[in-house]
Amino acid sequence: MTIRVLVADDQDIVRAGLCMILGAQPGIAVVGEAADGRRAIAMARSLRPDVCLLDIRMPEVDGIEATRQLAGADVTDPLAVVVITTFDLDEYVYGALKAGARGFLLKDAGAEMLTQAVHAAARGDALIAPNITARLLSSFANSRSRPVPPEPVEPLTAREEQVLLAAARGRTNSEIGDELSISLSTVKTHIAALMRKLNARNRVEIVMWAYETRRVHI
């Protein structure tokens, strides 16, 4: 099945490059382009792509607000959003993830990681550039201005805690399975249980919760 992608970036050359990279990948088709956030929102709602690739800094509506309108907690039928930017700024990353993005990449991440992020978002997973994940989440989670979120009503099991910590350290499902000597299907079952107990919409929110509750430290 082909993954339909909408690309939004206000720089024509960058947008063309992203479309060219994605269009050359098997199983991915670019179905729309937008040069500003307002147009991106309108096109996304009309085309209902599998993944929206949004730049942070766009005129009219920025990428974070566009993400919030397309994938926020109050959106009835949210779309999968991956945010991409040249700016490695903590507030951008955290803002995008809190707004509902399933991925965050820098524009120099390369074609392979871009493709991986699109595939991850399309299947309901999430991918954040490894070079910013731990630093970003730890920085914001350990900020004294942010209250520690409450523990879930249904406590996590010991195995769920292990899966949570492995995921928070950037391990894939396969790597978690190998590390804990459990099957891939069992890992997926634990991830699903974590999402349910933590009321998380995706893997990113699980990882953010792990950092916010001080379970993981750099």
N, C-alpha and C. Protein backbone atom coordinates (compact mmCIF):
# COMPACT_ATOMS: atom_id res chain seq x y z
N MET A 1 0.82 -1.19 0.00
CA MET A 1 0.00 0.00 0.00
C MET A 1 0.87 1.26 0.00
N THR A 2 0.54 2.20 -0.86
CA THR A 2 1.33 3.42 -1.00
C THR A 2 1.00 4.42 0.11
N ILE A 3 2.03 5.00 0.71
CA ILE A 3 1.88 6.02 1.74
C ILE A 3 1.75 7.38 1.05
N ARG A 4 0.65 8.06 1.27
CA ARG A 4 0.40 9.36 0.64
C ARG A 4 0.88 10.47 1.57
N VAL A 5 1.74 11.34 1.03
CA VAL A 5 2.39 12.36 1.86
C VAL A 5 2.10 13.77 1.34
N LEU A 6 1.83 14.67 2.27
CA LEU A 6 1.72 16.10 1.98
C LEU A 6 2.98 16.77 2.51
N VAL A 7 3.63 17.60 1.68
CA VAL A 7 4.86 18.28 2.06
C VAL A 7 4.60 19.79 2.15
N ALA A 8 4.94 20.40 3.28
CA ALA A 8 4.75 21.84 3.46
C ALA A 8 6.04 22.50 3.92
N ASP A 9 6.54 23.42 3.12
CA ASP A 9 7.75 24.18 3.44
C ASP A 9 7.72 25.46 2.62
N ASP A 10 8.05 26.59 3.23
CA ASP A 10 7.93 27.85 2.51
C ASP A 10 9.09 28.12 1.55
N GLN A 11 10.15 27.33 1.63
CA GLN A 11 11.27 27.49 0.72
C GLN A 11 11.09 26.54 -0.47
N ASP A 12 10.96 27.11 -1.65
CA ASP A 12 10.67 26.32 -2.84
C ASP A 12 11.71 25.23 -3.09
N ILE A 13 12.99 25.58 -2.93
CA ILE A 13 14.05 24.61 -3.21
C ILE A 13 14.02 23.46 -2.21
N VAL A 14 13.82 23.79 -0.94
CA VAL A 14 13.75 22.75 0.09
C VAL A 14 12.54 21.85 -0.15
N ARG A 15 11.41 22.46 -0.41
CA ARG A 15 10.19 21.69 -0.65
C ARG A 15 10.35 20.76 -1.86
N ALA A 16 10.94 21.29 -2.91
CA ALA A 16 11.18 20.47 -4.10
C ALA A 16 12.11 19.31 -3.80
N GLY A 17 13.13 19.57 -2.97
CA GLY A 17 14.07 18.51 -2.61
C GLY A 17 13.41 17.41 -1.80
N LEU A 18 12.58 17.81 -0.84
CA LEU A 18 11.86 16.82 -0.02
C LEU A 18 10.93 15.99 -0.88
N CYS A 19 10.23 16.65 -1.79
CA CYS A 19 9.31 15.93 -2.68
C CYS A 19 10.07 14.96 -3.58
N MET A 20 11.24 15.38 -4.04
CA MET A 20 12.05 14.53 -4.91
C MET A 20 12.54 13.29 -4.16
N ILE A 21 13.02 13.51 -2.94
CA ILE A 21 13.51 12.39 -2.14
C ILE A 21 12.39 11.39 -1.86
N LEU A 22 11.26 11.90 -1.38
CA LEU A 22 10.15 11.01 -1.03
C LEU A 22 9.55 10.35 -2.26
N GLY A 23 9.44 11.10 -3.34
CA GLY A 23 8.86 10.56 -4.57
C GLY A 23 9.68 9.44 -5.18
N ALA A 24 10.97 9.42 -4.85
CA ALA A 24 11.86 8.38 -5.39
C ALA A 24 11.82 7.09 -4.57
N GLN A 25 11.14 7.13 -3.42
CA GLN A 25 11.09 5.95 -2.55
C GLN A 25 9.93 5.05 -2.95
N PRO A 26 10.17 3.75 -3.04
CA PRO A 26 9.07 2.83 -3.34
C PRO A 26 8.03 2.83 -2.23
N GLY A 27 6.79 2.87 -2.60
CA GLY A 27 5.72 2.83 -1.61
C GLY A 27 5.35 4.17 -1.02
N ILE A 28 5.93 5.26 -1.53
CA ILE A 28 5.61 6.61 -1.05
C ILE A 28 5.23 7.49 -2.24
N ALA A 29 4.16 8.26 -2.10
CA ALA A 29 3.74 9.18 -3.15
C ALA A 29 3.42 10.54 -2.53
N VAL A 30 4.00 11.59 -3.09
CA VAL A 30 3.68 12.95 -2.64
C VAL A 30 2.40 13.38 -3.34
N VAL A 31 1.36 13.66 -2.55
CA VAL A 31 0.05 13.98 -3.13
C VAL A 31 -0.28 15.47 -3.05
N GLY A 32 0.58 16.26 -2.40
CA GLY A 32 0.31 17.68 -2.31
C GLY A 32 1.49 18.44 -1.76
N GLU A 33 1.58 19.73 -2.13
CA GLU A 33 2.62 20.62 -1.64
C GLU A 33 1.99 21.93 -1.17
N ALA A 34 2.55 22.50 -0.11
CA ALA A 34 2.05 23.78 0.39
C ALA A 34 3.23 24.65 0.80
N ALA A 35 3.10 25.97 0.58
CA ALA A 35 4.17 26.90 0.88
C ALA A 35 3.93 27.68 2.16
N ASP A 36 2.79 27.46 2.82
CA ASP A 36 2.54 28.11 4.09
C ASP A 36 1.63 27.22 4.94
N GLY A 37 1.58 27.52 6.23
CA GLY A 37 0.84 26.68 7.15
C GLY A 37 -0.65 26.65 6.93
N ARG A 38 -1.23 27.79 6.58
CA ARG A 38 -2.67 27.84 6.38
C ARG A 38 -3.08 26.95 5.21
N ARG A 39 -2.30 27.04 4.14
CA ARG A 39 -2.57 26.20 2.96
C ARG A 39 -2.35 24.73 3.31
N ALA A 40 -1.34 24.45 4.11
CA ALA A 40 -1.06 23.06 4.49
C ALA A 40 -2.23 22.46 5.25
N ILE A 41 -2.80 23.22 6.18
CA ILE A 41 -3.95 22.74 6.96
C ILE A 41 -5.13 22.44 6.04
N ALA A 42 -5.41 23.37 5.14
CA ALA A 42 -6.54 23.20 4.23
C ALA A 42 -6.35 21.98 3.33
N MET A 43 -5.15 21.84 2.79
CA MET A 43 -4.88 20.70 1.90
C MET A 43 -4.93 19.39 2.67
N ALA A 44 -4.39 19.39 3.88
CA ALA A 44 -4.39 18.16 4.69
C ALA A 44 -5.81 17.71 4.99
N ARG A 45 -6.66 18.66 5.35
CA ARG A 45 -8.05 18.31 5.65
C ARG A 45 -8.80 17.85 4.42
N SER A 46 -8.43 18.37 3.27
CA SER A 46 -9.09 17.98 2.03
C SER A 46 -8.58 16.65 1.48
N LEU A 47 -7.24 16.50 1.46
CA LEU A 47 -6.64 15.31 0.85
C LEU A 47 -6.57 14.12 1.81
N ARG A 48 -6.55 14.38 3.12
CA ARG A 48 -6.41 13.32 4.13
C ARG A 48 -5.22 12.41 3.82
N PRO A 49 -4.01 12.98 3.71
CA PRO A 49 -2.83 12.15 3.44
C PRO A 49 -2.52 11.24 4.61
N ASP A 50 -1.72 10.22 4.36
CA ASP A 50 -1.31 9.31 5.43
C ASP A 50 -0.33 10.00 6.38
N VAL A 51 0.49 10.88 5.82
CA VAL A 51 1.49 11.60 6.61
C VAL A 51 1.61 13.04 6.11
N CYS A 52 1.68 13.98 7.05
CA CYS A 52 1.94 15.38 6.72
C CYS A 52 3.36 15.72 7.17
N LEU A 53 4.19 16.20 6.26
CA LEU A 53 5.55 16.60 6.58
C LEU A 53 5.58 18.12 6.63
N LEU A 54 5.73 18.70 7.83
CA LEU A 54 5.57 20.13 8.01
C LEU A 54 6.85 20.79 8.51
N ASP A 55 7.20 21.91 7.89
CA ASP A 55 8.30 22.73 8.37
C ASP A 55 7.83 23.50 9.61
N ILE A 56 8.76 23.81 10.51
CA ILE A 56 8.41 24.57 11.71
C ILE A 56 8.08 26.03 11.37
N ARG A 57 9.00 26.68 10.68
CA ARG A 57 8.85 28.10 10.39
C ARG A 57 8.20 28.30 9.02
N MET A 58 6.91 28.60 9.05
CA MET A 58 6.16 28.87 7.83
C MET A 58 5.31 30.12 8.03
N PRO A 59 5.05 30.88 6.96
CA PRO A 59 4.17 32.05 7.09
C PRO A 59 2.72 31.65 7.30
N GLU A 60 1.91 32.61 7.69
CA GLU A 60 0.48 32.42 7.95
C GLU A 60 0.24 31.65 9.24
N VAL A 61 0.61 30.37 9.25
CA VAL A 61 0.49 29.53 10.44
C VAL A 61 1.77 28.71 10.55
N ASP A 62 2.41 28.72 11.71
CA ASP A 62 3.66 27.96 11.83
C ASP A 62 3.40 26.46 11.97
N GLY A 63 4.48 25.69 11.88
CA GLY A 63 4.34 24.24 11.89
C GLY A 63 3.77 23.66 13.16
N ILE A 64 4.06 24.29 14.30
CA ILE A 64 3.54 23.78 15.56
C ILE A 64 2.04 23.97 15.65
N GLU A 65 1.57 25.16 15.27
CA GLU A 65 0.13 25.41 15.31
C GLU A 65 -0.59 24.55 14.26
N ALA A 66 0.03 24.38 13.10
CA ALA A 66 -0.56 23.51 12.07
C ALA A 66 -0.67 22.08 12.58
N THR A 67 0.36 21.63 13.29
CA THR A 67 0.34 20.29 13.88
C THR A 67 -0.79 20.17 14.89
N ARG A 68 -0.93 21.20 15.73
CA ARG A 68 -1.98 21.19 16.76
C ARG A 68 -3.37 21.09 16.11
N GLN A 69 -3.56 21.80 14.99
CA GLN A 69 -4.87 21.79 14.34
C GLN A 69 -5.14 20.48 13.59
N LEU A 70 -4.08 19.79 13.20
CA LEU A 70 -4.25 18.55 12.44
C LEU A 70 -4.13 17.29 13.29
N ALA A 71 -3.40 17.39 14.41
CA ALA A 71 -3.12 16.18 15.20
C ALA A 71 -3.23 16.38 16.69
N GLY A 72 -3.76 17.51 17.13
CA GLY A 72 -3.84 17.81 18.55
C GLY A 72 -4.80 16.91 19.30
N ALA A 73 -4.74 17.01 20.62
CA ALA A 73 -5.54 16.14 21.49
C ALA A 73 -7.04 16.31 21.27
N ASP A 74 -7.46 17.49 20.82
CA ASP A 74 -8.89 17.73 20.64
C ASP A 74 -9.36 17.50 19.22
N VAL A 75 -8.48 16.97 18.36
CA VAL A 75 -8.86 16.68 16.97
C VAL A 75 -9.53 15.32 16.92
N THR A 76 -10.73 15.27 16.37
CA THR A 76 -11.52 14.04 16.35
C THR A 76 -10.86 12.94 15.52
N ASP A 77 -10.37 13.29 14.34
CA ASP A 77 -9.76 12.31 13.45
C ASP A 77 -8.36 12.80 13.06
N PRO A 78 -7.40 12.70 13.98
CA PRO A 78 -6.08 13.30 13.76
C PRO A 78 -5.30 12.67 12.62
N LEU A 79 -4.47 13.48 12.00
CA LEU A 79 -3.58 13.02 10.94
C LEU A 79 -2.19 12.78 11.52
N ALA A 80 -1.40 11.99 10.84
CA ALA A 80 -0.02 11.74 11.26
C ALA A 80 0.86 12.88 10.76
N VAL A 81 1.58 13.51 11.67
CA VAL A 81 2.43 14.65 11.31
C VAL A 81 3.88 14.37 11.70
N VAL A 82 4.79 14.69 10.79
CA VAL A 82 6.22 14.69 11.07
C VAL A 82 6.70 16.11 10.85
N VAL A 83 7.37 16.68 11.83
CA VAL A 83 7.87 18.04 11.74
C VAL A 83 9.35 18.00 11.36
N ILE A 84 9.73 18.88 10.44
CA ILE A 84 11.11 18.92 9.98
C ILE A 84 11.59 20.36 9.96
N THR A 85 12.82 20.59 10.41
CA THR A 85 13.31 21.97 10.51
C THR A 85 14.82 22.02 10.43
N THR A 86 15.34 23.21 10.15
CA THR A 86 16.79 23.42 10.18
C THR A 86 17.24 23.85 11.57
N PHE A 87 16.28 24.16 12.44
CA PHE A 87 16.60 24.74 13.74
C PHE A 87 16.53 23.69 14.86
N ASP A 88 17.68 23.39 15.43
CA ASP A 88 17.77 22.41 16.50
C ASP A 88 17.53 23.11 17.84
N LEU A 89 16.31 23.61 18.02
CA LEU A 89 15.96 24.33 19.24
C LEU A 89 15.00 23.51 20.09
N ASP A 90 15.32 23.37 21.37
CA ASP A 90 14.53 22.53 22.26
C ASP A 90 13.05 22.89 22.27
N GLU A 91 12.76 24.20 22.33
CA GLU A 91 11.36 24.58 22.43
C GLU A 91 10.56 24.20 21.19
N TYR A 92 11.22 24.16 20.04
CA TYR A 92 10.55 23.74 18.81
C TYR A 92 10.18 22.26 18.89
N VAL A 93 11.16 21.46 19.29
CA VAL A 93 10.94 20.01 19.33
C VAL A 93 9.83 19.67 20.33
N TYR A 94 9.97 20.17 21.53
CA TYR A 94 9.00 19.85 22.57
C TYR A 94 7.61 20.37 22.19
N GLY A 95 7.57 21.57 21.63
CA GLY A 95 6.29 22.14 21.21
C GLY A 95 5.61 21.30 20.15
N ALA A 96 6.40 20.81 19.20
CA ALA A 96 5.84 19.99 18.12
C ALA A 96 5.31 18.67 18.66
N LEU A 97 6.06 18.04 19.56
CA LEU A 97 5.63 16.76 20.10
C LEU A 97 4.40 16.92 20.98
N LYS A 98 4.37 17.98 21.78
CA LYS A 98 3.20 18.24 22.61
C LYS A 98 1.97 18.54 21.75
N ALA A 99 2.20 19.12 20.56
CA ALA A 99 1.10 19.46 19.66
C ALA A 99 0.54 18.22 18.97
N GLY A 100 1.28 17.11 19.03
CA GLY A 100 0.77 15.87 18.44
C GLY A 100 1.60 15.27 17.34
N ALA A 101 2.79 15.83 17.07
CA ALA A 101 3.64 15.29 16.01
C ALA A 101 4.13 13.89 16.35
N ARG A 102 4.23 13.05 15.33
CA ARG A 102 4.74 11.69 15.52
C ARG A 102 6.22 11.58 15.21
N GLY A 103 6.82 12.68 14.81
CA GLY A 103 8.24 12.63 14.51
C GLY A 103 8.81 14.03 14.42
N PHE A 104 10.11 14.13 14.63
CA PHE A 104 10.79 15.41 14.52
C PHE A 104 12.17 15.15 13.93
N LEU A 105 12.48 15.81 12.82
CA LEU A 105 13.75 15.62 12.16
C LEU A 105 14.37 16.96 11.79
N LEU A 106 15.69 16.98 11.75
CA LEU A 106 16.38 18.11 11.18
C LEU A 106 16.52 17.87 9.68
N LYS A 107 16.59 18.96 8.91
CA LYS A 107 16.60 18.82 7.46
C LYS A 107 17.87 18.16 6.92
N ASP A 108 18.89 18.07 7.76
CA ASP A 108 20.11 17.38 7.33
C ASP A 108 20.13 15.91 7.77
N ALA A 109 18.96 15.40 8.17
CA ALA A 109 18.89 14.02 8.66
C ALA A 109 19.21 13.00 7.58
N GLY A 110 18.97 13.35 6.32
CA GLY A 110 19.26 12.42 5.23
C GLY A 110 18.03 11.70 4.75
N ALA A 111 18.13 11.19 3.53
CA ALA A 111 16.99 10.54 2.89
C ALA A 111 16.52 9.30 3.63
N GLU A 112 17.46 8.52 4.17
CA GLU A 112 17.09 7.27 4.84
C GLU A 112 16.26 7.53 6.09
N MET A 113 16.70 8.48 6.92
CA MET A 113 15.94 8.75 8.15
C MET A 113 14.61 9.43 7.84
N LEU A 114 14.59 10.28 6.81
CA LEU A 114 13.34 10.91 6.40
C LEU A 114 12.33 9.85 6.00
N THR A 115 12.78 8.90 5.22
CA THR A 115 11.91 7.81 4.78
C THR A 115 11.44 6.97 5.97
N GLN A 116 12.35 6.69 6.89
CA GLN A 116 12.00 5.91 8.08
C GLN A 116 10.94 6.64 8.91
N ALA A 117 11.08 7.97 9.02
CA ALA A 117 10.13 8.75 9.81
C ALA A 117 8.74 8.71 9.18
N VAL A 118 8.68 8.79 7.87
CA VAL A 118 7.39 8.74 7.16
C VAL A 118 6.74 7.37 7.35
N HIS A 119 7.52 6.31 7.20
CA HIS A 119 6.98 4.96 7.40
C HIS A 119 6.51 4.77 8.84
N ALA A 120 7.31 5.25 9.81
CA ALA A 120 6.94 5.10 11.22
C ALA A 120 5.63 5.82 11.51
N ALA A 121 5.51 7.05 11.03
CA ALA A 121 4.29 7.84 11.27
C ALA A 121 3.08 7.17 10.64
N ALA A 122 3.27 6.62 9.45
CA ALA A 122 2.15 6.00 8.73
C ALA A 122 1.62 4.77 9.45
N ARG A 123 2.49 4.05 10.14
CA ARG A 123 2.04 2.84 10.84
C ARG A 123 1.69 3.11 12.30
N GLY A 124 1.71 4.38 12.68
CA GLY A 124 1.30 4.74 14.04
C GLY A 124 2.41 4.81 15.05
N ASP A 125 3.64 4.62 14.60
CA ASP A 125 4.78 4.73 15.50
C ASP A 125 5.34 6.15 15.43
N ALA A 126 6.49 6.35 15.98
CA ALA A 126 7.09 7.68 15.96
C ALA A 126 8.60 7.58 15.85
N LEU A 127 9.20 8.60 15.24
CA LEU A 127 10.65 8.63 15.11
C LEU A 127 11.13 10.05 15.34
N ILE A 128 12.07 10.19 16.25
CA ILE A 128 12.70 11.48 16.50
C ILE A 128 14.19 11.31 16.22
N ALA A 129 14.79 12.28 15.57
CA ALA A 129 16.22 12.19 15.27
C ALA A 129 17.00 11.83 16.52
N PRO A 130 17.78 10.75 16.48
CA PRO A 130 18.49 10.27 17.67
C PRO A 130 19.37 11.32 18.34
N ASN A 131 19.94 12.24 17.54
CA ASN A 131 20.86 13.21 18.12
C ASN A 131 20.17 14.24 19.00
N ILE A 132 18.84 14.30 18.96
CA ILE A 132 18.16 15.29 19.80
C ILE A 132 17.21 14.67 20.81
N THR A 133 16.90 13.40 20.65
CA THR A 133 15.87 12.79 21.50
C THR A 133 16.17 12.89 22.99
N ALA A 134 17.24 12.27 23.43
CA ALA A 134 17.52 12.21 24.85
C ALA A 134 17.79 13.59 25.44
N ARG A 135 18.58 14.40 24.76
CA ARG A 135 18.90 15.74 25.25
C ARG A 135 17.64 16.57 25.41
N LEU A 136 16.80 16.55 24.39
CA LEU A 136 15.59 17.36 24.41
C LEU A 136 14.63 16.93 25.52
N LEU A 137 14.29 15.66 25.53
CA LEU A 137 13.30 15.18 26.49
C LEU A 137 13.79 15.32 27.92
N SER A 138 15.06 15.04 28.15
CA SER A 138 15.60 15.15 29.49
C SER A 138 15.62 16.61 29.95
N SER A 139 16.00 17.49 29.04
CA SER A 139 16.07 18.91 29.36
C SER A 139 14.74 19.46 29.83
N PHE A 140 13.68 19.15 29.10
CA PHE A 140 12.38 19.68 29.44
C PHE A 140 11.74 18.93 30.60
N ALA A 141 11.95 17.63 30.65
CA ALA A 141 11.34 16.85 31.72
C ALA A 141 11.89 17.24 33.08
N ASN A 142 13.17 17.61 33.12
CA ASN A 142 13.79 17.93 34.40
C ASN A 142 13.68 19.40 34.77
N SER A 143 12.97 20.16 33.96
CA SER A 143 12.75 21.57 34.28
C SER A 143 11.85 21.66 35.52
N ARG A 144 12.27 22.42 36.49
CA ARG A 144 11.50 22.55 37.74
C ARG A 144 10.16 23.24 37.52
N SER A 145 10.04 23.93 36.37
CA SER A 145 8.78 24.63 36.11
C SER A 145 7.69 23.68 35.63
N ARG A 146 8.06 22.46 35.32
CA ARG A 146 7.09 21.50 34.81
C ARG A 146 6.72 20.50 35.91
N PRO A 147 5.44 20.42 36.24
CA PRO A 147 5.03 19.47 37.28
C PRO A 147 5.20 18.03 36.81
N VAL A 148 5.54 17.15 37.73
CA VAL A 148 5.67 15.72 37.41
C VAL A 148 4.26 15.15 37.23
N PRO A 149 3.99 14.51 36.08
CA PRO A 149 2.65 13.97 35.87
C PRO A 149 2.34 12.85 36.86
N PRO A 150 1.07 12.63 37.15
CA PRO A 150 0.69 11.60 38.12
C PRO A 150 0.92 10.19 37.58
N GLU A 151 1.05 9.24 38.48
CA GLU A 151 1.16 7.84 38.08
C GLU A 151 -0.21 7.37 37.57
N PRO A 152 -0.23 6.41 36.68
CA PRO A 152 -1.51 5.93 36.16
C PRO A 152 -2.34 5.24 37.23
N VAL A 153 -3.63 5.25 37.04
CA VAL A 153 -4.54 4.59 37.99
C VAL A 153 -4.23 3.11 38.09
N GLU A 154 -3.98 2.50 36.94
CA GLU A 154 -3.58 1.09 36.90
C GLU A 154 -2.05 1.04 36.84
N PRO A 155 -1.38 0.63 37.90
CA PRO A 155 0.08 0.66 37.95
C PRO A 155 0.74 -0.15 36.83
N LEU A 156 1.92 0.29 36.43
CA LEU A 156 2.68 -0.46 35.44
C LEU A 156 3.28 -1.71 36.07
N THR A 157 3.33 -2.77 35.30
CA THR A 157 3.97 -3.99 35.78
C THR A 157 5.48 -3.82 35.68
N ALA A 158 6.20 -4.69 36.30
CA ALA A 158 7.67 -4.63 36.25
C ALA A 158 8.16 -4.75 34.82
N ARG A 159 7.55 -5.62 34.04
CA ARG A 159 7.96 -5.79 32.64
C ARG A 159 7.62 -4.56 31.81
N GLU A 160 6.48 -3.96 32.08
CA GLU A 160 6.11 -2.74 31.37
C GLU A 160 7.09 -1.61 31.67
N GLU A 161 7.56 -1.55 32.92
CA GLU A 161 8.57 -0.55 33.29
C GLU A 161 9.85 -0.78 32.48
N GLN A 162 10.23 -2.04 32.32
CA GLN A 162 11.43 -2.35 31.55
C GLN A 162 11.27 -1.95 30.09
N VAL A 163 10.12 -2.25 29.51
CA VAL A 163 9.85 -1.89 28.11
C VAL A 163 9.83 -0.37 27.96
N LEU A 164 9.22 0.30 28.93
CA LEU A 164 9.15 1.76 28.92
C LEU A 164 10.54 2.39 28.90
N LEU A 165 11.42 1.92 29.77
CA LEU A 165 12.77 2.47 29.86
C LEU A 165 13.56 2.20 28.58
N ALA A 166 13.38 1.02 28.02
CA ALA A 166 14.08 0.68 26.77
C ALA A 166 13.60 1.58 25.62
N ALA A 167 12.31 1.79 25.55
CA ALA A 167 11.74 2.65 24.51
C ALA A 167 12.23 4.08 24.69
N ALA A 168 12.31 4.53 25.94
CA ALA A 168 12.75 5.89 26.23
C ALA A 168 14.21 6.10 25.85
N ARG A 169 14.97 5.02 25.82
CA ARG A 169 16.38 5.13 25.42
C ARG A 169 16.55 4.96 23.92
N GLY A 170 15.45 4.94 23.19
CA GLY A 170 15.52 4.91 21.74
C GLY A 170 15.57 3.54 21.11
N ARG A 171 15.32 2.48 21.89
CA ARG A 171 15.36 1.14 21.34
C ARG A 171 14.13 0.88 20.46
N THR A 172 14.33 0.16 19.35
CA THR A 172 13.21 -0.26 18.53
C THR A 172 12.54 -1.45 19.18
N ASN A 173 11.37 -1.85 18.67
CA ASN A 173 10.68 -3.02 19.23
C ASN A 173 11.56 -4.27 19.15
N SER A 174 12.23 -4.43 18.03
CA SER A 174 13.10 -5.61 17.86
C SER A 174 14.24 -5.59 18.87
N GLU A 175 14.83 -4.42 19.06
CA GLU A 175 15.93 -4.30 20.01
C GLU A 175 15.45 -4.53 21.45
N ILE A 176 14.25 -4.06 21.75
CA ILE A 176 13.69 -4.29 23.09
C ILE A 176 13.49 -5.79 23.31
N GLY A 177 12.97 -6.46 22.28
CA GLY A 177 12.77 -7.90 22.37
C GLY A 177 14.06 -8.64 22.63
N ASP A 178 15.10 -8.28 21.90
CA ASP A 178 16.40 -8.92 22.08
C ASP A 178 16.97 -8.63 23.47
N GLU A 179 16.84 -7.38 23.90
CA GLU A 179 17.39 -6.96 25.18
C GLU A 179 16.72 -7.65 26.35
N LEU A 180 15.40 -7.85 26.23
CA LEU A 180 14.64 -8.44 27.34
C LEU A 180 14.33 -9.92 27.13
N SER A 181 14.80 -10.46 26.01
CA SER A 181 14.57 -11.88 25.67
C SER A 181 13.08 -12.21 25.61
N ILE A 182 12.33 -11.36 24.93
CA ILE A 182 10.90 -11.61 24.71
C ILE A 182 10.60 -11.45 23.23
N SER A 183 9.48 -11.99 22.79
CA SER A 183 9.14 -11.95 21.37
C SER A 183 8.70 -10.55 20.94
N LEU A 184 8.74 -10.31 19.63
CA LEU A 184 8.31 -9.03 19.08
C LEU A 184 6.84 -8.77 19.38
N SER A 185 6.03 -9.80 19.27
CA SER A 185 4.60 -9.64 19.55
C SER A 185 4.36 -9.27 21.01
N THR A 186 5.18 -9.83 21.91
CA THR A 186 5.05 -9.50 23.33
C THR A 186 5.43 -8.05 23.59
N VAL A 187 6.49 -7.59 22.90
CA VAL A 187 6.88 -6.18 23.02
C VAL A 187 5.73 -5.28 22.59
N LYS A 188 5.11 -5.60 21.45
CA LYS A 188 4.00 -4.79 20.95
C LYS A 188 2.83 -4.80 21.92
N THR A 189 2.61 -5.94 22.56
CA THR A 189 1.53 -6.03 23.56
C THR A 189 1.81 -5.10 24.74
N HIS A 190 3.07 -5.07 25.18
CA HIS A 190 3.43 -4.19 26.30
C HIS A 190 3.33 -2.71 25.90
N ILE A 191 3.75 -2.40 24.68
CA ILE A 191 3.65 -1.01 24.21
C ILE A 191 2.19 -0.58 24.17
N ALA A 192 1.32 -1.46 23.68
CA ALA A 192 -0.11 -1.16 23.63
C ALA A 192 -0.67 -0.96 25.04
N ALA A 193 -0.22 -1.78 25.99
CA ALA A 193 -0.68 -1.65 27.37
C ALA A 193 -0.22 -0.33 27.98
N LEU A 194 1.01 0.07 27.66
CA LEU A 194 1.53 1.35 28.15
C LEU A 194 0.72 2.52 27.60
N MET A 195 0.40 2.46 26.32
CA MET A 195 -0.40 3.52 25.71
C MET A 195 -1.76 3.62 26.38
N ARG A 196 -2.35 2.47 26.68
CA ARG A 196 -3.67 2.46 27.32
C ARG A 196 -3.60 3.03 28.74
N LYS A 197 -2.63 2.54 29.52
CA LYS A 197 -2.53 2.97 30.91
C LYS A 197 -2.14 4.45 31.05
N LEU A 198 -1.32 4.92 30.13
CA LEU A 198 -0.84 6.30 30.21
C LEU A 198 -1.69 7.26 29.39
N ASN A 199 -2.72 6.69 28.75
CA ASN A 199 -3.58 7.51 27.89
C ASN A 199 -2.75 8.26 26.85
N ALA A 200 -1.80 7.52 26.27
CA ALA A 200 -0.89 8.09 25.26
C ALA A 200 -1.38 7.74 23.86
N ARG A 201 -1.24 8.69 22.96
CA ARG A 201 -1.69 8.45 21.59
C ARG A 201 -0.65 7.73 20.74
N ASN A 202 0.61 7.81 21.13
CA ASN A 202 1.65 7.19 20.32
C ASN A 202 2.89 6.94 21.18
N ARG A 203 3.91 6.39 20.55
CA ARG A 203 5.13 6.03 21.26
C ARG A 203 5.86 7.25 21.82
N VAL A 204 5.80 8.35 21.10
CA VAL A 204 6.46 9.57 21.56
C VAL A 204 5.93 10.00 22.92
N GLU A 205 4.61 9.94 23.10
CA GLU A 205 4.03 10.36 24.37
C GLU A 205 4.40 9.42 25.50
N ILE A 206 4.60 8.15 25.19
CA ILE A 206 5.08 7.20 26.20
C ILE A 206 6.48 7.60 26.66
N VAL A 207 7.35 7.89 25.69
CA VAL A 207 8.72 8.27 26.00
C VAL A 207 8.77 9.58 26.77
N MET A 208 7.96 10.55 26.36
CA MET A 208 7.92 11.83 27.07
C MET A 208 7.50 11.63 28.52
N TRP A 209 6.53 10.75 28.74
CA TRP A 209 6.06 10.48 30.11
C TRP A 209 7.18 9.88 30.95
N ALA A 210 7.98 9.01 30.33
CA ALA A 210 9.09 8.39 31.06
C ALA A 210 10.08 9.43 31.53
N TYR A 211 10.36 10.42 30.70
CA TYR A 211 11.28 11.49 31.09
C TYR A 211 10.63 12.44 32.09
N GLU A 212 9.37 12.76 31.87
CA GLU A 212 8.68 13.71 32.75
C GLU A 212 8.50 13.17 34.16
N THR A 213 8.44 11.85 34.29
CA THR A 213 8.29 11.24 35.63
C THR A 213 9.65 10.88 36.22
N ARG A 214 10.71 11.40 35.58
CA ARG A 214 12.09 11.24 36.08
C ARG A 214 12.57 9.79 36.07
N ARG A 215 11.95 8.96 35.26
CA ARG A 215 12.39 7.58 35.18
C ARG A 215 13.70 7.45 34.41
N VAL A 216 13.96 8.40 33.54
CA VAL A 216 15.16 8.35 32.71
C VAL A 216 15.95 9.64 32.92
N HIS A 217 17.24 9.50 33.08
CA HIS A 217 18.10 10.67 33.24
C HIS A 217 19.32 10.49 32.33
N ILE A 218 19.85 11.61 31.87
CA ILE A 218 21.07 11.54 31.07
C ILE A 218 22.26 11.37 31.98
